[in-house]
Amino acid sequence: MKTIHSVHPTDFKSYDTTTIRERFLIDKQVQPDQINCTYTHYDRVIVGMANPVSKTLELPNYPNLRAGYFLERREIGIINVAGAGVVRADGQAFEMNKLDCLYIGKGTKSVTFESADPSVPAVFYLLSSPAHAVYPTTLLSHADAVKVELGSVATANKRTINKYIHLEGVRSCQLVMGLTILHEGSVWNTMPAHVHDRRMEAYFYFDVPAGQKIFHYMGEGQETRHITMDNYDAVVSPPWSIHSGSGTANYSFIWGMAGENLDYTDMDAIAITDLK
């Protein structure tokens, strides 16, 4: 399991593109019949991808967790971004279509992943954080998620936000999770930009058309940098960093957070005119 360590904002100012990609980008992790996870030192969040094709995959227990099993002291949010699949939590089966979300609580010993049709395999995005309380395993379909319409065509950021794991939705100990779908002709996400010093955040980009790119912006508001990202790439944002992007075509992305609180609106906005 790859490890990403914490970075001080002053050090970040000296990073070139290669270093930024090494320290924050999680790429090439969606591989057939594999589960690949990355352990981050940002609120001890683990980012993972599971791509079952010809066999059932079981969530492994990594040595650096120092636990009896993966979810002994953790919770996990799972969103399917491709073909239909099935996740089993301690033997209980949950059928998941594209954009459905499953929350699995602390203490679940076995989690497995499989695709309904190997010719159209599922791709499961995983986000896990430490947990000190137990909340029930809950499946929420995309149709039943709370939806918020934001932005406009005039500013190229008309989008639909889908909230899954949050205070008024699926309950969790630390996780907040959902996804945003950019409408056709819109390419900007999370603009105006913001930071939230009390929580880290990770973005996972998907449905990026072939041959297109995402320009993901990071850094303090007065010292921004960018990297380009592809379909199924994820990126970790420290609490001091903005996390915003623009694509060469419309796309979707999963956002997920963990840290000091579960308040979705806990953010410190940065005016577009103040960005540098």
Protein backbone atom coordinates (compact mmCIF):
# COMPACT_ATOMS: atom_id res chain seq x y z
CA MET A 1 0.00 0.00 0.00
CA LYS A 2 1.41 3.36 -1.07
CA THR A 3 1.80 6.03 1.64
CA ILE A 4 1.36 9.79 1.21
CA HIS A 5 2.91 11.95 3.94
CA SER A 6 1.81 15.39 5.10
CA VAL A 7 3.29 18.49 3.44
CA HIS A 8 3.85 21.95 4.95
CA PRO A 9 2.41 24.81 2.84
CA THR A 10 5.74 26.68 2.82
CA ASP A 11 7.51 23.61 1.42
CA PHE A 12 4.80 23.21 -1.21
CA LYS A 13 5.71 26.57 -2.75
CA SER A 14 9.02 25.14 -3.96
CA TYR A 15 7.55 22.00 -5.59
CA ASP A 16 7.79 21.46 -9.33
CA THR A 17 5.14 19.55 -11.26
CA THR A 18 6.84 16.18 -10.79
CA THR A 19 7.05 16.63 -7.02
CA ILE A 20 3.41 17.72 -6.72
CA ARG A 21 2.35 14.61 -8.61
CA GLU A 22 4.50 12.38 -6.40
CA ARG A 23 3.18 13.86 -3.13
CA PHE A 24 -0.55 14.24 -3.91
CA LEU A 25 -1.65 12.34 -7.04
CA ILE A 26 -3.03 8.79 -6.89
CA ASP A 27 -3.03 7.46 -10.44
CA LYS A 28 -3.11 4.19 -12.38
CA GLN A 29 -4.82 2.41 -9.46
CA VAL A 30 -7.82 1.00 -11.35
CA GLN A 31 -6.46 -2.34 -12.55
CA PRO A 32 -8.41 -5.47 -13.56
CA ASP A 33 -9.02 -7.90 -10.70
CA GLN A 34 -7.11 -5.77 -8.21
CA ILE A 35 -7.78 -3.66 -5.12
CA ASN A 36 -5.24 -0.86 -4.76
CA CYS A 37 -5.19 1.42 -1.72
CA THR A 38 -3.16 4.45 -0.65
CA TYR A 39 -2.67 5.39 3.00
CA THR A 40 -2.48 9.14 3.61
CA HIS A 41 -1.29 10.99 6.67
CA TYR A 42 -4.11 13.49 6.15
CA ASP A 43 -6.54 12.45 8.87
CA ARG A 44 -5.34 8.85 8.28
CA VAL A 45 -7.68 8.55 5.30
CA ILE A 46 -7.23 5.64 2.89
CA VAL A 47 -8.10 6.09 -0.79
CA GLY A 48 -8.73 2.94 -2.81
CA MET A 49 -10.11 1.45 -6.02
CA ALA A 50 -11.50 -2.03 -6.62
CA ASN A 51 -12.00 -3.36 -10.16
CA PRO A 52 -13.37 -6.93 -10.05
CA VAL A 53 -13.61 -8.47 -13.52
CA SER A 54 -13.25 -12.24 -13.58
CA LYS A 55 -13.18 -12.93 -9.85
CA THR A 56 -14.39 -11.74 -6.46
CA LEU A 57 -12.01 -9.41 -4.62
CA GLU A 58 -11.74 -9.21 -0.84
CA LEU A 59 -10.70 -6.03 0.98
CA PRO A 60 -7.25 -6.93 2.38
CA ASN A 61 -5.84 -6.24 5.81
CA TYR A 62 -2.65 -4.24 5.32
CA PRO A 63 0.25 -4.70 7.78
CA ASN A 64 0.62 -0.96 8.37
CA LEU A 65 -2.91 -0.82 9.84
CA ARG A 66 -1.76 -2.95 12.78
CA ALA A 67 -5.30 -4.32 13.00
CA GLY A 68 -6.98 -7.70 12.99
CA TYR A 69 -8.92 -6.73 9.84
CA PHE A 70 -9.33 -3.62 7.68
CA LEU A 71 -12.43 -2.19 9.39
CA GLU A 72 -11.52 -3.12 12.96
CA ARG A 73 -11.05 0.57 13.78
CA ARG A 74 -12.30 2.11 10.52
CA GLU A 75 -15.37 2.92 8.45
CA ILE A 76 -15.58 3.03 4.66
CA GLY A 77 -17.62 4.68 1.93
CA ILE A 78 -17.93 2.95 -1.46
CA ILE A 79 -19.28 4.45 -4.70
CA ASN A 80 -19.61 2.48 -7.92
CA VAL A 81 -18.61 4.47 -11.04
CA ALA A 82 -18.97 1.84 -13.77
CA GLY A 83 -20.91 -1.40 -14.45
CA ALA A 84 -23.28 -2.99 -11.96
CA GLY A 85 -21.71 -4.94 -9.12
CA VAL A 86 -22.23 -6.52 -5.73
CA VAL A 87 -20.54 -5.69 -2.43
CA ARG A 88 -20.86 -8.14 0.44
CA ALA A 89 -20.36 -6.98 4.03
CA ASP A 90 -20.00 -9.92 6.41
CA GLY A 91 -21.97 -11.97 3.90
CA GLN A 92 -24.84 -9.51 3.35
CA ALA A 93 -25.13 -8.67 -0.36
CA PHE A 94 -25.67 -5.12 -1.63
CA GLU A 95 -26.35 -4.71 -5.35
CA MET A 96 -24.82 -1.47 -6.61
CA ASN A 97 -25.53 0.21 -9.93
CA LYS A 98 -23.47 3.06 -11.28
CA LEU A 99 -23.40 6.06 -8.86
CA ASP A 100 -24.88 4.11 -5.93
CA CYS A 101 -23.16 4.51 -2.55
CA LEU A 102 -22.61 2.02 0.27
CA TYR A 103 -21.45 2.94 3.78
CA ILE A 104 -19.96 0.13 5.88
CA GLY A 105 -19.42 0.71 9.57
CA LYS A 106 -16.65 -0.09 11.98
CA GLY A 107 -16.34 -3.73 13.03
CA THR A 108 -17.29 -5.35 9.71
CA LYS A 109 -14.79 -8.17 9.24
CA SER A 110 -15.25 -9.14 5.58
CA VAL A 111 -15.90 -6.93 2.54
CA THR A 112 -15.89 -8.38 -0.98
CA PHE A 113 -16.46 -6.94 -4.45
CA GLU A 114 -17.71 -8.54 -7.66
CA SER A 115 -19.12 -7.48 -11.02
CA ALA A 116 -22.54 -8.47 -12.29
CA ASP A 117 -21.23 -8.76 -15.86
CA PRO A 118 -17.49 -9.27 -16.52
CA SER A 119 -17.86 -7.61 -19.94
CA VAL A 120 -19.00 -4.39 -18.20
CA PRO A 121 -17.11 -4.57 -14.90
CA ALA A 122 -17.76 -2.43 -11.86
CA VAL A 123 -15.24 0.11 -10.61
CA PHE A 124 -15.62 0.82 -6.90
CA TYR A 125 -14.07 3.94 -5.38
CA LEU A 126 -13.22 3.49 -1.68
CA LEU A 127 -12.66 6.10 1.02
CA SER A 128 -11.92 5.00 4.58
CA SER A 129 -11.18 6.88 7.78
CA PRO A 130 -10.62 5.92 11.42
CA ALA A 131 -13.85 5.51 13.41
CA HIS A 132 -14.56 5.50 17.15
CA ALA A 133 -18.28 4.73 16.91
CA VAL A 134 -20.37 2.16 15.04
CA TYR A 135 -22.99 3.23 12.50
CA PRO A 136 -25.11 0.79 10.49
CA THR A 137 -24.12 -0.40 7.04
CA THR A 138 -26.38 1.50 4.63
CA LEU A 139 -26.94 1.43 0.86
CA LEU A 140 -28.12 4.66 -0.80
CA SER A 141 -29.02 4.70 -4.47
CA HIS A 142 -28.12 7.61 -6.69
CA ALA A 143 -31.83 8.28 -7.23
CA ASP A 144 -32.39 8.72 -3.49
CA ALA A 145 -29.38 10.97 -2.80
CA VAL A 146 -29.99 14.61 -1.84
CA LYS A 147 -29.34 16.72 -4.94
CA VAL A 148 -28.36 20.38 -5.13
CA GLU A 149 -28.13 22.35 -8.38
CA LEU A 150 -25.38 24.99 -8.46
CA GLY A 151 -23.61 27.23 -10.95
CA SER A 152 -24.69 28.40 -14.37
CA VAL A 153 -23.94 27.95 -18.05
CA ALA A 154 -22.71 31.56 -18.17
CA THR A 155 -19.84 30.73 -15.79
CA ALA A 156 -19.27 27.22 -17.23
CA ASN A 157 -19.95 25.54 -13.87
CA LYS A 158 -23.55 24.30 -13.98
CA ARG A 159 -23.45 21.14 -11.88
CA THR A 160 -25.48 18.74 -9.77
CA ILE A 161 -24.15 17.87 -6.33
CA ASN A 162 -25.22 14.52 -4.89
CA LYS A 163 -24.86 14.15 -1.13
CA TYR A 164 -24.56 10.62 0.24
CA ILE A 165 -22.71 10.40 3.56
CA HIS A 166 -23.44 13.51 5.64
CA LEU A 167 -25.28 14.67 8.74
CA GLU A 168 -28.70 14.68 7.07
CA GLY A 169 -28.07 11.53 5.01
CA VAL A 170 -26.22 8.28 5.66
CA ARG A 171 -24.66 8.68 9.11
CA SER A 172 -20.98 8.09 9.78
CA CYS A 173 -18.38 8.70 12.43
CA GLN A 174 -16.02 10.92 10.39
CA LEU A 175 -16.69 10.46 6.69
CA VAL A 176 -18.47 12.98 4.45
CA MET A 177 -18.90 11.83 0.87
CA GLY A 178 -20.75 12.54 -2.34
CA LEU A 179 -20.29 13.27 -6.02
CA THR A 180 -20.69 16.12 -8.48
CA ILE A 181 -21.78 15.84 -12.11
CA LEU A 182 -20.85 18.68 -14.48
CA HIS A 183 -23.51 19.45 -17.09
CA GLU A 184 -22.67 19.49 -20.79
CA GLY A 185 -20.78 22.67 -21.65
CA SER A 186 -19.67 23.23 -18.05
CA VAL A 187 -16.11 22.42 -16.97
CA TRP A 188 -15.33 24.27 -13.69
CA ASN A 189 -15.78 22.61 -10.31
CA THR A 190 -15.62 24.10 -6.80
CA MET A 191 -15.36 27.67 -7.95
CA PRO A 192 -15.23 30.02 -6.07
CA ALA A 193 -12.53 27.97 -4.36
CA HIS A 194 -12.32 27.32 -0.64
CA VAL A 195 -10.29 25.63 2.06
CA HIS A 196 -11.39 23.96 5.29
CA ASP A 197 -8.62 23.93 7.85
CA ARG A 198 -10.42 21.33 9.96
CA ARG A 199 -10.68 18.61 7.29
CA MET A 200 -8.71 17.05 4.49
CA GLU A 201 -10.40 16.26 1.18
CA ALA A 202 -9.83 13.88 -1.71
CA TYR A 203 -11.18 14.15 -5.26
CA PHE A 204 -11.63 11.22 -7.64
CA TYR A 205 -12.32 12.15 -11.27
CA PHE A 206 -14.36 9.84 -13.50
CA ASP A 207 -16.37 9.92 -16.73
CA VAL A 208 -13.56 12.00 -18.21
CA PRO A 209 -13.90 11.46 -21.98
CA ALA A 210 -11.04 9.74 -23.79
CA GLY A 211 -8.40 12.20 -24.95
CA GLN A 212 -9.50 14.89 -22.45
CA LYS A 213 -7.79 16.19 -19.28
CA ILE A 214 -8.60 17.73 -15.92
CA PHE A 215 -6.52 20.69 -14.73
CA HIS A 216 -6.63 20.36 -10.94
CA TYR A 217 -5.61 23.40 -8.87
CA MET A 218 -3.92 23.19 -5.48
CA GLY A 219 -2.05 25.36 -3.00
CA GLU A 220 -2.86 28.33 -0.82
CA GLY A 221 -5.12 30.90 -2.45
CA GLN A 222 -2.21 33.27 -2.97
CA GLU A 223 0.17 30.55 -4.26
CA THR A 224 -1.75 28.22 -6.57
CA ARG A 225 -0.27 25.38 -8.63
CA HIS A 226 -1.84 22.82 -10.93
CA ILE A 227 -1.43 19.29 -12.22
CA THR A 228 -3.26 17.53 -15.03
CA MET A 229 -5.30 14.43 -14.30
CA ASP A 230 -6.91 11.60 -16.24
CA ASN A 231 -9.99 9.44 -15.86
CA TYR A 232 -9.97 7.44 -12.59
CA ASP A 233 -7.21 9.59 -11.05
CA ALA A 234 -7.53 10.77 -7.44
CA VAL A 235 -5.80 13.63 -5.64
CA VAL A 236 -5.37 14.46 -1.95
CA SER A 237 -5.90 18.03 -0.73
CA PRO A 238 -4.33 19.16 2.57
CA PRO A 239 -6.52 21.33 4.82
CA TRP A 240 -4.60 24.47 3.77
CA SER A 241 -5.03 23.87 0.04
CA ILE A 242 -7.72 24.86 -2.41
CA HIS A 243 -9.14 21.98 -4.45
CA SER A 244 -10.67 23.05 -7.71
CA GLY A 245 -10.51 21.93 -11.29
CA SER A 246 -11.35 22.64 -14.89
CA GLY A 247 -11.70 20.08 -17.64
CA THR A 248 -11.29 20.18 -21.39
CA ALA A 249 -14.77 18.57 -21.44
CA ASN A 250 -17.46 17.98 -18.82
CA TYR A 251 -16.87 15.15 -16.31
CA SER A 252 -17.84 13.95 -12.83
CA PHE A 253 -15.95 13.60 -9.58
CA ILE A 254 -16.33 12.11 -6.12
CA TRP A 255 -15.49 14.30 -3.15
CA GLY A 256 -14.78 12.90 0.28
CA MET A 257 -13.60 14.36 3.58
CA ALA A 258 -12.68 13.42 7.12
CA GLY A 259 -11.38 15.39 10.07
CA GLU A 260 -12.62 17.61 12.84
CA ASN A 261 -16.35 17.65 12.02
CA LEU A 262 -19.12 16.49 9.68
CA ASP A 263 -20.41 19.95 8.73
CA TYR A 264 -20.66 20.04 4.93
CA THR A 265 -20.71 23.85 4.94
CA ASP A 266 -17.57 24.21 7.08
CA MET A 267 -15.39 25.98 4.53
CA ASP A 268 -13.53 29.25 4.15
CA ALA A 269 -14.26 30.74 0.74
CA ILE A 270 -11.66 32.52 -1.34
CA ALA A 271 -12.94 35.10 -3.79
CA ILE A 272 -12.07 34.48 -7.42
CA THR A 273 -10.48 37.93 -7.58
CA ASP A 274 -8.14 37.03 -4.71
CA LEU A 275 -6.67 33.92 -6.34
CA LYS A 276 -3.08 34.16 -7.53
